[in-house]
Amino acid sequence: VRELGLERRETVRSLSAVGVGDLRRVAPSTRGPG
């Protein structure tokens, strides 16, 4: 059970990381300096 929990945590972590990456990718084009 512990292993499954850790696996779930890893997947959520990677998913959140990808989500943040997407946001950062879109942020520059949307915000853009000036």
PDB file of N, CA and C in Angstrom:
ATOM      1  N   VAL A   1       0.855  -1.207   0.000  1.00  0.00           N
ATOM      2  CA  VAL A   1       0.000   0.000   0.000  1.00  0.00           C
ATOM      3  C   VAL A   1       0.880   1.243   0.000  1.00  0.00           C
ATOM      4  N   ARG A   2       1.943   1.172   0.776  1.00  0.00           N
ATOM      5  CA  ARG A   2       2.842   2.341   0.846  1.00  0.00           C
ATOM      6  C   ARG A   2       3.435   2.610  -0.531  1.00  0.00           C
ATOM      7  N   GLU A   3       3.830   1.535  -1.203  1.00  0.00           N
ATOM      8  CA  GLU A   3       4.439   1.703  -2.536  1.00  0.00           C
ATOM      9  C   GLU A   3       3.451   2.377  -3.485  1.00  0.00           C
ATOM     10  N   LEU A   4       2.212   1.916  -3.461  1.00  0.00           N
ATOM     11  CA  LEU A   4       1.202   2.511  -4.344  1.00  0.00           C
ATOM     12  C   LEU A   4       1.044   3.993  -4.022  1.00  0.00           C
ATOM     13  N   GLY A   5       1.000   4.318  -2.737  1.00  0.00           N
ATOM     14  CA  GLY A   5       0.863   5.715  -2.332  1.00  0.00           C
ATOM     15  C   GLY A   5       2.007   6.548  -2.891  1.00  0.00           C
ATOM     16  N   LEU A   6       3.223   6.013  -2.779  1.00  0.00           N
ATOM     17  CA  LEU A   6       4.393   6.746  -3.277  1.00  0.00           C
ATOM     18  C   LEU A   6       4.278   6.925  -4.785  1.00  0.00           C
ATOM     19  N   GLU A   7       3.843   5.862  -5.462  1.00  0.00           N
ATOM     20  CA  GLU A   7       3.709   5.952  -6.921  1.00  0.00           C
ATOM     21  C   GLU A   7       2.706   7.044  -7.281  1.00  0.00           C
ATOM     22  N   ARG A   8       1.594   7.049  -6.578  1.00  0.00           N
ATOM     23  CA  ARG A   8       0.574   8.072  -6.839  1.00  0.00           C
ATOM     24  C   ARG A   8       1.175   9.454  -6.624  1.00  0.00           C
ATOM     25  N   ARG A   9       1.919   9.587  -5.548  1.00  0.00           N
ATOM     26  CA  ARG A   9       2.538  10.890  -5.234  1.00  0.00           C
ATOM     27  C   ARG A   9       3.459  11.302  -6.380  1.00  0.00           C
ATOM     28  N   GLU A  10       4.242  10.363  -6.873  1.00  0.00           N
ATOM     29  CA  GLU A  10       5.186  10.670  -7.966  1.00  0.00           C
ATOM     30  C   GLU A  10       4.417  11.125  -9.206  1.00  0.00           C
ATOM     31  N   THR A  11       3.349  10.401  -9.544  1.00  0.00           N
ATOM     32  CA  THR A  11       2.584  10.771 -10.738  1.00  0.00           C
ATOM     33  C   THR A  11       1.994  12.173 -10.570  1.00  0.00           C
ATOM     34  N   VAL A  12       1.393  12.418  -9.427  1.00  0.00           N
ATOM     35  CA  VAL A  12       0.797  13.743  -9.170  1.00  0.00           C
ATOM     36  C   VAL A  12       1.880  14.802  -9.242  1.00  0.00           C
ATOM     37  N   ARG A  13       3.044  14.462  -8.689  1.00  0.00           N
ATOM     38  CA  ARG A  13       4.157  15.421  -8.686  1.00  0.00           C
ATOM     39  C   ARG A  13       4.563  15.752 -10.122  1.00  0.00           C
ATOM     40  N   SER A  14       4.729  14.721 -10.949  1.00  0.00           N
ATOM     41  CA  SER A  14       5.134  14.938 -12.339  1.00  0.00           C
ATOM     42  C   SER A  14       4.039  15.709 -13.081  1.00  0.00           C
ATOM     43  N   LEU A  15       2.796  15.335 -12.846  1.00  0.00           N
ATOM     44  CA  LEU A  15       1.686  16.021 -13.520  1.00  0.00           C
ATOM     45  C   LEU A  15       1.679  17.497 -13.143  1.00  0.00           C
ATOM     46  N   SER A  16       1.813  17.786 -11.857  1.00  0.00           N
ATOM     47  CA  SER A  16       1.815  19.179 -11.396  1.00  0.00           C
ATOM     48  C   SER A  16       3.003  19.914 -12.014  1.00  0.00           C
ATOM     49  N   ALA A  17       4.145  19.227 -12.089  1.00  0.00           N
ATOM     50  CA  ALA A  17       5.351  19.840 -12.654  1.00  0.00           C
ATOM     51  C   ALA A  17       5.082  20.200 -14.113  1.00  0.00           C
ATOM     52  N   VAL A  18       4.455  19.284 -14.847  1.00  0.00           N
ATOM     53  CA  VAL A  18       4.145  19.542 -16.260  1.00  0.00           C
ATOM     54  C   VAL A  18       3.170  20.712 -16.361  1.00  0.00           C
ATOM     55  N   GLY A  19       2.180  20.735 -15.473  1.00  0.00           N
ATOM     56  CA  GLY A  19       1.201  21.821 -15.480  1.00  0.00           C
ATOM     57  C   GLY A  19       1.900  23.153 -15.269  1.00  0.00           C
ATOM     58  N   VAL A  20       2.817  23.202 -14.309  1.00  0.00           N
ATOM     59  CA  VAL A  20       3.561  24.439 -14.030  1.00  0.00           C
ATOM     60  C   VAL A  20       4.373  24.823 -15.260  1.00  0.00           C
ATOM     61  N   GLY A  21       4.974  23.836 -15.907  1.00  0.00           N
ATOM     62  CA  GLY A  21       5.784  24.103 -17.107  1.00  0.00           C
ATOM     63  C   GLY A  21       4.913  24.725 -18.188  1.00  0.00           C
ATOM     64  N   ASP A  22       3.716  24.157 -18.386  1.00  0.00           N
ATOM     65  CA  ASP A  22       2.808  24.704 -19.395  1.00  0.00           C
ATOM     66  C   ASP A  22       2.458  26.149 -19.047  1.00  0.00           C
ATOM     67  N   LEU A  23       2.142  26.398 -17.778  1.00  0.00           N
ATOM     68  CA  LEU A  23       1.778  27.756 -17.354  1.00  0.00           C
ATOM     69  C   LEU A  23       2.940  28.705 -17.639  1.00  0.00           C
ATOM     70  N   ARG A  24       4.147  28.263 -17.308  1.00  0.00           N
ATOM     71  CA  ARG A  24       5.322  29.124 -17.525  1.00  0.00           C
ATOM     72  C   ARG A  24       5.515  29.364 -19.019  1.00  0.00           C
ATOM     73  N   ARG A  25       5.228  28.355 -19.816  1.00  0.00           N
ATOM     74  CA  ARG A  25       5.391  28.495 -21.273  1.00  0.00           C
ATOM     75  C   ARG A  25       4.393  29.520 -21.813  1.00  0.00           C
ATOM     76  N   VAL A  26       3.166  29.448 -21.313  1.00  0.00           N
ATOM     77  CA  VAL A  26       2.123  30.361 -21.807  1.00  0.00           C
ATOM     78  C   VAL A  26       2.287  31.756 -21.202  1.00  0.00           C
ATOM     79  N   ALA A  27       2.791  31.819 -19.975  1.00  0.00           N
ATOM     80  CA  ALA A  27       2.943  33.104 -19.284  1.00  0.00           C
ATOM     81  C   ALA A  27       3.716  34.116 -20.138  1.00  0.00           C
ATOM     82  N   PRO A  28       4.905  33.780 -20.629  1.00  0.00           N
ATOM     83  CA  PRO A  28       5.721  34.726 -21.412  1.00  0.00           C
ATOM     84  C   PRO A  28       4.948  35.312 -22.589  1.00  0.00           C
ATOM     85  N   SER A  29       4.248  34.469 -23.346  1.00  0.00           N
ATOM     86  CA  SER A  29       3.530  34.963 -24.526  1.00  0.00           C
ATOM     87  C   SER A  29       2.357  35.849 -24.096  1.00  0.00           C
ATOM     88  N   THR A  30       1.688  35.466 -23.003  1.00  0.00           N
ATOM     89  CA  THR A  30       0.531  36.252 -22.543  1.00  0.00           C
ATOM     90  C   THR A  30       1.003  37.538 -21.873  1.00  0.00           C
ATOM     91  N   ARG A  31       1.879  37.400 -20.871  1.00  0.00           N
ATOM     92  CA  ARG A  31       2.373  38.590 -20.160  1.00  0.00           C
ATOM     93  C   ARG A  31       3.336  39.361 -21.057  1.00  0.00           C
ATOM     94  N   GLY A  32       4.390  38.692 -21.468  1.00  0.00           N
ATOM     95  CA  GLY A  32       5.377  39.322 -22.345  1.00  0.00           C
ATOM     96  C   GLY A  32       5.829  40.657 -21.801  1.00  0.00           C
ATOM     97  N   PRO A  33       7.133  40.902 -21.787  1.00  0.00           N
ATOM     98  CA  PRO A  33       7.668  42.191 -21.302  1.00  0.00           C
ATOM     99  C   PRO A  33       7.234  43.333 -22.206  1.00  0.00           C
ATOM    100  N   GLY A  34       6.577  44.331 -21.647  1.00  0.00           N
ATOM    101  CA  GLY A  34       6.137  45.463 -22.442  1.00  0.00           C
ATOM    102  C   GLY A  34       4.871  45.090 -23.176  1.00  0.00           C
TER     103      GLY A  34
END
